Each structure stands twice: as C-alpha cells, then as structure tokens.
PDB file of N, CA and C in Angstrom:
ATOM      1  N   UNK A   1      50.886 144.170  77.147  1.00  0.00           N
ATOM      2  CA  UNK A   1      52.029 143.641  77.908  1.00  0.00           C
ATOM      3  C   UNK A   1      52.153 144.474  79.220  1.00  0.00           C
ATOM      4  N   UNK A   2      52.301 143.773  80.318  1.00  0.00           N
ATOM      5  CA  UNK A   2      52.338 144.458  81.620  1.00  0.00           C
ATOM      6  C   UNK A   2      53.751 145.032  81.799  1.00  0.00           C
ATOM      7  N   UNK A   3      53.883 145.908  82.740  1.00  0.00           N
ATOM      8  CA  UNK A   3      55.136 146.558  83.105  1.00  0.00           C
ATOM      9  C   UNK A   3      56.140 145.493  83.487  1.00  0.00           C
ATOM     10  N   UNK A   4      55.734 144.488  84.299  1.00  0.00           N
ATOM     11  CA  UNK A   4      56.604 143.399  84.697  1.00  0.00           C
ATOM     12  C   UNK A   4      57.119 142.623  83.494  1.00  0.00           C
ATOM     13  N   UNK A   5      56.261 142.367  82.527  1.00  0.00           N
ATOM     14  CA  UNK A   5      56.673 141.630  81.323  1.00  0.00           C
ATOM     15  C   UNK A   5      57.639 142.476  80.510  1.00  0.00           C
ATOM     16  N   UNK A   6      57.380 143.836  80.439  1.00  0.00           N
ATOM     17  CA  UNK A   6      58.332 144.661  79.723  1.00  0.00           C
ATOM     18  C   UNK A   6      59.781 144.644  80.345  1.00  0.00           C
ATOM     19  N   UNK A   7      59.806 144.619  81.652  1.00  0.00           N
ATOM     20  CA  UNK A   7      61.037 144.563  82.441  1.00  0.00           C
ATOM     21  C   UNK A   7      61.784 143.225  82.162  1.00  0.00           C
ATOM     22  N   UNK A   8      60.980 142.157  82.145  1.00  0.00           N
ATOM     23  CA  UNK A   8      61.574 140.822  81.866  1.00  0.00           C
ATOM     24  C   UNK A   8      62.102 140.789  80.481  1.00  0.00           C
ATOM     25  N   UNK A   9      61.358 141.364  79.533  1.00  0.00           N
ATOM     26  CA  UNK A   9      61.832 141.341  78.144  1.00  0.00           C
ATOM     27  C   UNK A   9      63.078 142.176  77.974  1.00  0.00           C
ATOM     28  N   UNK A  10      63.102 143.312  78.635  1.00  0.00           N
ATOM     29  CA  UNK A  10      64.323 144.194  78.495  1.00  0.00           C
ATOM     30  C   UNK A  10      65.449 143.487  79.152  1.00  0.00           C
ATOM     31  N   UNK A  11      65.247 142.852  80.278  1.00  0.00           N
ATOM     32  CA  UNK A  11      66.360 142.119  80.983  1.00  0.00           C
ATOM     33  C   UNK A  11      66.908 140.941  80.089  1.00  0.00           C
ATOM     34  N   UNK A  12      66.012 140.225  79.411  1.00  0.00           N
ATOM     35  CA  UNK A  12      66.455 139.149  78.577  1.00  0.00           C
ATOM     36  C   UNK A  12      67.270 139.705  77.376  1.00  0.00           C
ATOM     37  N   UNK A  13      66.845 140.814  76.750  1.00  0.00           N
ATOM     38  CA  UNK A  13      67.502 141.368  75.698  1.00  0.00           C
ATOM     39  C   UNK A  13      68.876 141.903  76.129  1.00  0.00           C
ATOM     40  N   UNK A  14      68.969 142.479  77.248  1.00  0.00           N
ATOM     41  CA  UNK A  14      70.237 143.037  77.840  1.00  0.00           C
ATOM     42  C   UNK A  14      71.176 141.858  78.097  1.00  0.00           C
ATOM     43  N   UNK A  15      70.667 140.813  78.617  1.00  0.00           N
ATOM     44  CA  UNK A  15      71.608 139.632  78.865  1.00  0.00           C
ATOM     45  C   UNK A  15      72.063 139.002  77.471  1.00  0.00           C
ATOM     46  N   UNK A  16      71.196 138.943  76.571  1.00  0.00           N
ATOM     47  CA  UNK A  16      71.554 138.356  75.305  1.00  0.00           C
ATOM     48  C   UNK A  16      72.638 139.261  74.616  1.00  0.00           C
ATOM     49  N   UNK A  17      72.478 140.570  74.659  1.00  0.00           N
ATOM     50  CA  UNK A  17      73.480 141.482  74.114  1.00  0.00           C
ATOM     51  C   UNK A  17      74.821 141.370  74.843  1.00  0.00           C
ATOM     52  N   UNK A  18      74.731 141.287  76.168  1.00  0.00           N
ATOM     53  CA  UNK A  18      75.926 141.110  76.976  1.00  0.00           C
ATOM     54  C   UNK A  18      76.621 139.847  76.568  1.00  0.00           C
ATOM     55  N   UNK A  19      75.878 138.764  76.455  1.00  0.00           N
ATOM     56  CA  UNK A  19      76.455 137.426  76.055  1.00  0.00           C
ATOM     57  C   UNK A  19      77.129 137.533  74.706  1.00  0.00           C
ATOM     58  N   UNK A  20      76.494 138.172  73.750  1.00  0.00           N
ATOM     59  CA  UNK A  20      77.023 138.303  72.441  1.00  0.00           C
ATOM     60  C   UNK A  20      78.355 139.110  72.487  1.00  0.00           C
ATOM     61  N   UNK A  21      78.337 140.253  73.183  1.00  0.00           N
ATOM     62  CA  UNK A  21      79.490 141.072  73.243  1.00  0.00           C
ATOM     63  C   UNK A  21      80.668 140.369  73.909  1.00  0.00           C
ATOM     64  N   UNK A  22      80.395 139.671  75.020  1.00  0.00           N
ATOM     65  CA  UNK A  22      81.526 138.990  75.756  1.00  0.00           C
ATOM     66  C   UNK A  22      82.100 137.950  74.856  1.00  0.00           C
ATOM     67  N   UNK A  23      81.307 137.094  74.286  1.00  0.00           N
ATOM     68  CA  UNK A  23      81.826 135.975  73.462  1.00  0.00           C
ATOM     69  C   UNK A  23      82.546 136.515  72.192  1.00  0.00           C
ATOM     70  N   UNK A  24      82.021 137.592  71.618  1.00  0.00           N
ATOM     71  CA  UNK A  24      82.724 138.171  70.427  1.00  0.00           C
ATOM     72  C   UNK A  24      84.050 138.744  70.824  1.00  0.00           C
ATOM     73  N   UNK A  25      84.069 139.389  71.982  1.00  0.00           N
ATOM     74  CA  UNK A  25      85.355 139.918  72.495  1.00  0.00           C
ATOM     75  C   UNK A  25      86.430 138.846  72.827  1.00  0.00           C
ATOM     76  N   UNK A  26      85.969 137.740  73.429  1.00  0.00           N
ATOM     77  CA  UNK A  26      86.857 136.660  73.746  1.00  0.00           C
ATOM     78  C   UNK A  26      87.370 136.032  72.434  1.00  0.00           C
ATOM     79  N   UNK A  27      86.488 135.834  71.509  1.00  0.00           N
ATOM     80  CA  UNK A  27      86.867 135.192  70.245  1.00  0.00           C
ATOM     81  C   UNK A  27      87.776 136.018  69.419  1.00  0.00           C
ATOM     82  N   UNK A  28      87.540 137.306  69.424  1.00  0.00           N
ATOM     83  CA  UNK A  28      88.317 138.212  68.551  1.00  0.00           C
ATOM     84  C   UNK A  28      89.817 138.258  68.976  1.00  0.00           C
ATOM     85  N   UNK A  29      90.130 137.787  70.199  1.00  0.00           N
ATOM     86  CA  UNK A  29      91.535 137.785  70.630  1.00  0.00           C
ATOM     87  C   UNK A  29      92.199 136.480  70.256  1.00  0.00           C
ATOM     88  N   UNK A  30      91.471 135.556  69.703  1.00  0.00           N
ATOM     89  CA  UNK A  30      92.034 134.205  69.277  1.00  0.00           C
ATOM     90  C   UNK A  30      92.756 134.329  67.934  1.00  0.00           C
ATOM     91  N   UNK A  31      93.638 133.309  67.695  1.00  0.00           N
ATOM     92  CA  UNK A  31      94.324 133.255  66.438  1.00  0.00           C
ATOM     93  C   UNK A  31      93.433 133.119  65.253  1.00  0.00           C
ATOM     94  N   UNK A  32      92.364 132.301  65.462  1.00  0.00           N
ATOM     95  CA  UNK A  32      91.308 132.068  64.480  1.00  0.00           C
ATOM     96  C   UNK A  32      89.906 132.296  65.066  1.00  0.00           C
ATOM     97  N   UNK A  33      89.498 133.570  65.102  1.00  0.00           N
ATOM     98  CA  UNK A  33      88.215 133.910  65.831  1.00  0.00           C
ATOM     99  C   UNK A  33      86.998 133.208  65.238  1.00  0.00           C
ATOM    100  N   UNK A  34      86.899 133.032  63.973  1.00  0.00           N
ATOM    101  CA  UNK A  34      85.730 132.309  63.470  1.00  0.00           C
ATOM    102  C   UNK A  34      85.643 130.896  63.920  1.00  0.00           C
ATOM    103  N   UNK A  35      86.839 130.187  63.905  1.00  0.00           N
ATOM    104  CA  UNK A  35      86.946 128.866  64.302  1.00  0.00           C
ATOM    105  C   UNK A  35      86.563 128.717  65.812  1.00  0.00           C
ATOM    106  N   UNK A  36      86.974 129.712  66.585  1.00  0.00           N
ATOM    107  CA  UNK A  36      86.651 129.759  68.007  1.00  0.00           C
ATOM    108  C   UNK A  36      85.115 129.845  68.240  1.00  0.00           C
ATOM    109  N   UNK A  37      84.457 130.695  67.513  1.00  0.00           N
ATOM    110  CA  UNK A  37      83.008 130.793  67.570  1.00  0.00           C
ATOM    111  C   UNK A  37      82.361 129.476  67.230  1.00  0.00           C
ATOM    112  N   UNK A  38      82.813 128.857  66.140  1.00  0.00           N
ATOM    113  CA  UNK A  38      82.253 127.561  65.691  1.00  0.00           C
ATOM    114  C   UNK A  38      82.551 126.509  66.825  1.00  0.00           C
ATOM    115  N   UNK A  39      83.693 126.542  67.407  1.00  0.00           N
ATOM    116  CA  UNK A  39      84.058 125.541  68.490  1.00  0.00           C
ATOM    117  C   UNK A  39      82.982 125.750  69.644  1.00  0.00           C
ATOM    118  N   UNK A  40      82.727 126.998  70.062  1.00  0.00           N
ATOM    119  CA  UNK A  40      81.833 127.245  71.092  1.00  0.00           C
ATOM    120  C   UNK A  40      80.425 126.775  70.721  1.00  0.00           C
ATOM    121  N   UNK A  41      80.027 127.021  69.456  1.00  0.00           N
ATOM    122  CA  UNK A  41      78.670 126.574  68.973  1.00  0.00           C
ATOM    123  C   UNK A  41      78.620 125.081  69.058  1.00  0.00           C
ATOM    124  N   UNK A  42      79.647 124.400  68.609  1.00  0.00           N
ATOM    125  CA  UNK A  42      79.608 122.938  68.635  1.00  0.00           C
ATOM    126  C   UNK A  42      79.553 122.393  70.114  1.00  0.00           C
ATOM    127  N   UNK A  43      80.241 123.056  71.004  1.00  0.00           N
ATOM    128  CA  UNK A  43      80.203 122.663  72.385  1.00  0.00           C
ATOM    129  C   UNK A  43      78.783 122.820  72.982  1.00  0.00           C
ATOM    130  N   UNK A  44      78.217 123.924  72.659  1.00  0.00           N
ATOM    131  CA  UNK A  44      76.774 124.226  73.111  1.00  0.00           C
ATOM    132  C   UNK A  44      75.869 123.128  72.572  1.00  0.00           C
ATOM    133  N   UNK A  45      75.965 122.806  71.259  1.00  0.00           N
ATOM    134  CA  UNK A  45      75.112 121.873  70.571  1.00  0.00           C
ATOM    135  C   UNK A  45      75.291 120.496  71.224  1.00  0.00           C
ATOM    136  N   UNK A  46      76.439 120.063  71.550  1.00  0.00           N
ATOM    137  CA  UNK A  46      76.719 118.809  72.141  1.00  0.00           C
ATOM    138  C   UNK A  46      76.084 118.742  73.543  1.00  0.00           C
ATOM    139  N   UNK A  47      76.185 119.856  74.248  1.00  0.00           N
ATOM    140  CA  UNK A  47      75.599 119.978  75.611  1.00  0.00           C
ATOM    141  C   UNK A  47      74.073 119.970  75.497  1.00  0.00           C
ATOM    142  N   UNK A  48      73.551 120.764  74.527  1.00  0.00           N
ATOM    143  CA  UNK A  48      72.068 120.927  74.400  1.00  0.00           C
ATOM    144  C   UNK A  48      71.418 119.589  73.967  1.00  0.00           C
ATOM    145  N   UNK A  49      72.127 118.683  73.320  1.00  0.00           N
ATOM    146  CA  UNK A  49      71.583 117.451  72.927  1.00  0.00           C
ATOM    147  C   UNK A  49      71.084 116.659  74.150  1.00  0.00           C
ATOM    148  N   UNK A  50      71.751 116.847  75.297  1.00  0.00           N
ATOM    149  CA  UNK A  50      71.322 116.153  76.509  1.00  0.00           C
ATOM    150  C   UNK A  50      70.446 116.990  77.432  1.00  0.00           C
ATOM    151  N   UNK A  51      70.062 118.136  76.996  1.00  0.00           N
ATOM    152  CA  UNK A  51      69.218 119.035  77.774  1.00  0.00           C
ATOM    153  C   UNK A  51      67.862 118.513  78.029  1.00  0.00           C
ATOM    154  N   UNK A  52      67.465 118.362  79.278  1.00  0.00           N
ATOM    155  CA  UNK A  52      66.101 117.851  79.590  1.00  0.00           C
ATOM    156  C   UNK A  52      65.474 118.928  80.457  1.00  0.00           C
ATOM    157  N   UNK A  53      64.321 119.332  80.005  1.00  0.00           N
ATOM    158  CA  UNK A  53      63.538 120.392  80.747  1.00  0.00           C
ATOM    159  C   UNK A  53      62.218 119.767  81.222  1.00  0.00           C
ATOM    160  N   UNK A  54      61.980 119.800  82.508  1.00  0.00           N
ATOM    161  CA  UNK A  54      60.678 119.340  83.023  1.00  0.00           C
ATOM    162  C   UNK A  54      60.559 117.811  82.867  1.00  0.00           C
ATOM    163  N   UNK A  55      59.361 117.369  82.640  1.00  0.00           N
ATOM    164  CA  UNK A  55      58.982 115.984  82.629  1.00  0.00           C
ATOM    165  C   UNK A  55      59.058 115.335  81.270  1.00  0.00           C
ATOM    166  N   UNK A  56      59.605 116.017  80.263  1.00  0.00           N
ATOM    167  CA  UNK A  56      59.649 115.429  78.936  1.00  0.00           C
ATOM    168  C   UNK A  56      58.405 115.518  78.126  1.00  0.00           C
ATOM    169  N   UNK A  57      57.478 116.372  78.521  1.00  0.00           N
ATOM    170  CA  UNK A  57      56.242 116.484  77.759  1.00  0.00           C
ATOM    171  C   UNK A  57      56.472 117.434  76.532  1.00  0.00           C
ATOM    172  N   UNK A  58      55.390 117.700  75.821  1.00  0.00           N
ATOM    173  CA  UNK A  58      55.476 118.478  74.616  1.00  0.00           C
ATOM    174  C   UNK A  58      56.012 119.910  74.898  1.00  0.00           C
ATOM    175  N   UNK A  59      55.559 120.506  76.051  1.00  0.00           N
ATOM    176  CA  UNK A  59      56.077 121.831  76.414  1.00  0.00           C
ATOM    177  C   UNK A  59      57.520 121.826  76.613  1.00  0.00           C
ATOM    178  N   UNK A  60      58.029 120.795  77.354  1.00  0.00           N
ATOM    179  CA  UNK A  60      59.461 120.726  77.572  1.00  0.00           C
ATOM    180  C   UNK A  60      60.293 120.635  76.294  1.00  0.00           C
ATOM    181  N   UNK A  61      59.754 119.787  75.456  1.00  0.00           N
ATOM    182  CA  UNK A  61      60.498 119.645  74.119  1.00  0.00           C
ATOM    183  C   UNK A  61      60.467 120.906  73.366  1.00  0.00           C
ATOM    184  N   UNK A  62      59.362 121.622  73.311  1.00  0.00           N
ATOM    185  CA  UNK A  62      59.260 122.921  72.622  1.00  0.00           C
ATOM    186  C   UNK A  62      60.190 123.881  73.161  1.00  0.00           C
ATOM    187  N   UNK A  63      60.329 123.960  74.526  1.00  0.00           N
ATOM    188  CA  UNK A  63      61.250 124.837  75.207  1.00  0.00           C
ATOM    189  C   UNK A  63      62.670 124.573  74.794  1.00  0.00           C
ATOM    190  N   UNK A  64      63.024 123.287  74.791  1.00  0.00           N
ATOM    191  CA  UNK A  64      64.366 122.904  74.374  1.00  0.00           C
ATOM    192  C   UNK A  64      64.687 123.363  72.935  1.00  0.00           C
ATOM    193  N   UNK A  65      63.727 123.171  72.079  1.00  0.00           N
ATOM    194  CA  UNK A  65      63.878 123.610  70.659  1.00  0.00           C
ATOM    195  C   UNK A  65      64.039 125.132  70.522  1.00  0.00           C
ATOM    196  N   UNK A  66      63.253 125.880  71.330  1.00  0.00           N
ATOM    197  CA  UNK A  66      63.322 127.258  71.329  1.00  0.00           C
ATOM    198  C   UNK A  66      64.704 127.782  71.864  1.00  0.00           C
ATOM    199  N   UNK A  67      65.174 127.150  72.945  1.00  0.00           N
ATOM    200  CA  UNK A  67      66.432 127.532  73.533  1.00  0.00           C
ATOM    201  C   UNK A  67      67.574 127.286  72.531  1.00  0.00           C
ATOM    202  N   UNK A  68      67.604 126.090  71.923  1.00  0.00           N
ATOM    203  CA  UNK A  68      68.626 125.802  70.946  1.00  0.00           C
ATOM    204  C   UNK A  68      68.582 126.726  69.782  1.00  0.00           C
ATOM    205  N   UNK A  69      67.389 127.025  69.313  1.00  0.00           N
ATOM    206  CA  UNK A  69      67.251 127.934  68.141  1.00  0.00           C
ATOM    207  C   UNK A  69      67.773 129.352  68.515  1.00  0.00           C
ATOM    208  N   UNK A  70      67.425 129.855  69.713  1.00  0.00           N
ATOM    209  CA  UNK A  70      67.823 131.225  70.117  1.00  0.00           C
ATOM    210  C   UNK A  70      69.362 131.287  70.239  1.00  0.00           C
ATOM    211  N   UNK A  71      69.908 130.263  70.925  1.00  0.00           N
ATOM    212  CA  UNK A  71      71.370 130.306  71.100  1.00  0.00           C
ATOM    213  C   UNK A  71      72.041 130.186  69.775  1.00  0.00           C
ATOM    214  N   UNK A  72      71.523 129.433  68.806  1.00  0.00           N
ATOM    215  CA  UNK A  72      72.095 129.317  67.481  1.00  0.00           C
ATOM    216  C   UNK A  72      72.061 130.675  66.808  1.00  0.00           C
ATOM    217  N   UNK A  73      70.982 131.399  66.945  1.00  0.00           N
ATOM    218  CA  UNK A  73      70.877 132.768  66.369  1.00  0.00           C
ATOM    219  C   UNK A  73      71.921 133.682  67.042  1.00  0.00           C
ATOM    220  N   UNK A  74      72.150 133.549  68.248  1.00  0.00           N
ATOM    221  CA  UNK A  74      73.216 134.312  68.979  1.00  0.00           C
ATOM    222  C   UNK A  74      74.627 134.002  68.416  1.00  0.00           C
ATOM    223  N   UNK A  75      74.869 132.734  68.245  1.00  0.00           N
ATOM    224  CA  UNK A  75      76.219 132.363  67.703  1.00  0.00           C
ATOM    225  C   UNK A  75      76.364 132.881  66.248  1.00  0.00           C
ATOM    226  N   UNK A  76      75.362 132.886  65.500  1.00  0.00           N
ATOM    227  CA  UNK A  76      75.391 133.478  64.128  1.00  0.00           C
ATOM    228  C   UNK A  76      75.728 134.966  64.221  1.00  0.00           C
ATOM    229  N   UNK A  77      75.031 135.665  65.127  1.00  0.00           N
ATOM    230  CA  UNK A  77      75.334 137.043  65.278  1.00  0.00           C
ATOM    231  C   UNK A  77      76.739 137.316  65.846  1.00  0.00           C
ATOM    232  N   UNK A  78      77.223 136.473  66.688  1.00  0.00           N
ATOM    233  CA  UNK A  78      78.599 136.602  67.225  1.00  0.00           C
ATOM    234  C   UNK A  78      79.593 136.407  66.109  1.00  0.00           C
ATOM    235  N   UNK A  79      79.337 135.369  65.266  1.00  0.00           N
ATOM    236  CA  UNK A  79      80.276 135.086  64.158  1.00  0.00           C
ATOM    237  C   UNK A  79      80.252 136.299  63.189  1.00  0.00           C
ATOM    238  N   UNK A  80      79.101 136.847  62.892  1.00  0.00           N
ATOM    239  CA  UNK A  80      79.014 138.011  62.051  1.00  0.00           C
ATOM    240  C   UNK A  80      79.701 139.182  62.617  1.00  0.00           C
ATOM    241  N   UNK A  81      79.634 139.446  63.905  1.00  0.00           N
ATOM    242  CA  UNK A  81      80.302 140.516  64.512  1.00  0.00           C
ATOM    243  C   UNK A  81      81.825 140.338  64.465  1.00  0.00           C
ATOM    244  N   UNK A  82      82.308 139.103  64.722  1.00  0.00           N
ATOM    245  CA  UNK A  82      83.737 138.822  64.636  1.00  0.00           C
ATOM    246  C   UNK A  82      84.255 139.028  63.213  1.00  0.00           C
ATOM    247  N   UNK A  83      83.413 138.617  62.227  1.00  0.00           N
ATOM    248  CA  UNK A  83      83.871 138.819  60.808  1.00  0.00           C
ATOM    249  C   UNK A  83      83.930 140.287  60.491  1.00  0.00           C
ATOM    250  N   UNK A  84      82.939 141.036  60.983  1.00  0.00           N
ATOM    251  CA  UNK A  84      82.988 142.462  60.756  1.00  0.00           C
ATOM    252  C   UNK A  84      84.192 143.143  61.389  1.00  0.00           C
ATOM    253  N   UNK A  85      84.485 142.741  62.567  1.00  0.00           N
ATOM    254  CA  UNK A  85      85.654 143.244  63.279  1.00  0.00           C
ATOM    255  C   UNK A  85      86.942 142.913  62.531  1.00  0.00           C
ATOM    256  N   UNK A  86      87.005 141.715  61.949  1.00  0.00           N
ATOM    257  CA  UNK A  86      88.177 141.319  61.220  1.00  0.00           C
ATOM    258  C   UNK A  86      88.303 142.153  59.940  1.00  0.00           C
ATOM    259  N   UNK A  87      87.178 142.433  59.283  1.00  0.00           N
ATOM    260  CA  UNK A  87      87.188 143.285  58.068  1.00  0.00           C
ATOM    261  C   UNK A  87      87.668 144.680  58.400  1.00  0.00           C
ATOM    262  N   UNK A  88      87.224 145.252  59.532  1.00  0.00           N
ATOM    263  CA  UNK A  88      87.631 146.575  59.939  1.00  0.00           C
ATOM    264  C   UNK A  88      89.146 146.612  60.185  1.00  0.00           C
ATOM    265  N   UNK A  89      89.678 145.612  60.900  1.00  0.00           N
ATOM    266  CA  UNK A  89      91.058 145.570  61.201  1.00  0.00           C
ATOM    267  C   UNK A  89      91.880 145.431  59.889  1.00  0.00           C
ATOM    268  N   UNK A  90      91.415 144.575  58.967  1.00  0.00           N
ATOM    269  CA  UNK A  90      92.120 144.427  57.713  1.00  0.00           C
ATOM    270  C   UNK A  90      92.106 145.703  56.933  1.00  0.00           C
ATOM    271  N   UNK A  91      91.005 146.469  56.992  1.00  0.00           N
ATOM    272  CA  UNK A  91      90.961 147.720  56.229  1.00  0.00           C
ATOM    273  C   UNK A  91      91.959 148.720  56.886  1.00  0.00           C
ATOM    274  N   UNK A  92      91.982 148.759  58.175  1.00  0.00           N
ATOM    275  CA  UNK A  92      92.932 149.625  58.964  1.00  0.00           C
ATOM    276  C   UNK A  92      94.375 149.270  58.566  1.00  0.00           C
ATOM    277  N   UNK A  93      94.634 147.956  58.516  1.00  0.00           N
ATOM    278  CA  UNK A  93      96.035 147.518  58.176  1.00  0.00           C
ATOM    279  C   UNK A  93      96.364 147.899  56.743  1.00  0.00           C
ATOM    280  N   UNK A  94      95.383 147.806  55.848  1.00  0.00           N
ATOM    281  CA  UNK A  94      95.600 148.205  54.539  1.00  0.00           C
ATOM    282  C   UNK A  94      95.902 149.681  54.307  1.00  0.00           C
ATOM    283  N   UNK A  95      95.260 150.551  55.150  1.00  0.00           N
ATOM    284  CA  UNK A  95      95.495 151.951  55.043  1.00  0.00           C
ATOM    285  C   UNK A  95      96.904 152.280  55.560  1.00  0.00           C
ATOM    286  N   UNK A  96      97.348 151.555  56.494  1.00  0.00           N
ATOM    287  CA  UNK A  96      98.718 151.836  57.140  1.00  0.00           C
ATOM    288  C   UNK A  96      99.778 151.434  56.204  1.00  0.00           C
ATOM    289  N   UNK A  97      99.556 150.429  55.305  1.00  0.00           N
ATOM    290  CA  UNK A  97     100.602 149.887  54.404  1.00  0.00           C
ATOM    291  C   UNK A  97     100.599 150.623  53.146  1.00  0.00           C
TER     292      UNK A  97
END
C-alpha cells in the first residue's frame, strides 16, 4: 500500500468515526434515541434505493451495494453506542437512588 493510499484510508476511517460520533451524540439527546437511529437508517435506505452511480454497469451496482452495506454497519455501530450510553446513564441513576 502506498503512502497516498494509507492517507486516504486513514481519512476515510476518521470521517467514519466522526460520522458515528456526531449521529450518536445527536440521537442520545432525543427522547427515544434508538428510535431516532432507526429513523435515520430508514431515511438513508429510502434515499439509497434511488442512488445511481455511473452508467449503471456492474461496477456501479457493486459500488452502490458496498455503500449501502457500509452505512448500514455504521448505523448498527451508532445504535450500539447509543444503547451503551443509555446503560451507563441507567447505572449512574441507579447508584444515585
């Protein structure tokens, strides 16, 4: 892997982590954080259904599939993070009571 490829990979990972952190933070402030994450996932999926990349060849379809799969993994990670944060808050509240 070249240095440029390593920088691109690091940049993509950084953006993905930033994306996860921002959405988890936004959702954690909602009345029902898990439902908010699922709402965002549903909105993405409805938008992704119409996603067209390139000329519609096999490569374009494969890219669409990879994009959808990767974002779905991110929403799963965001939901897991929100659930973990909820568990931590519940444990803190239990200790106070």
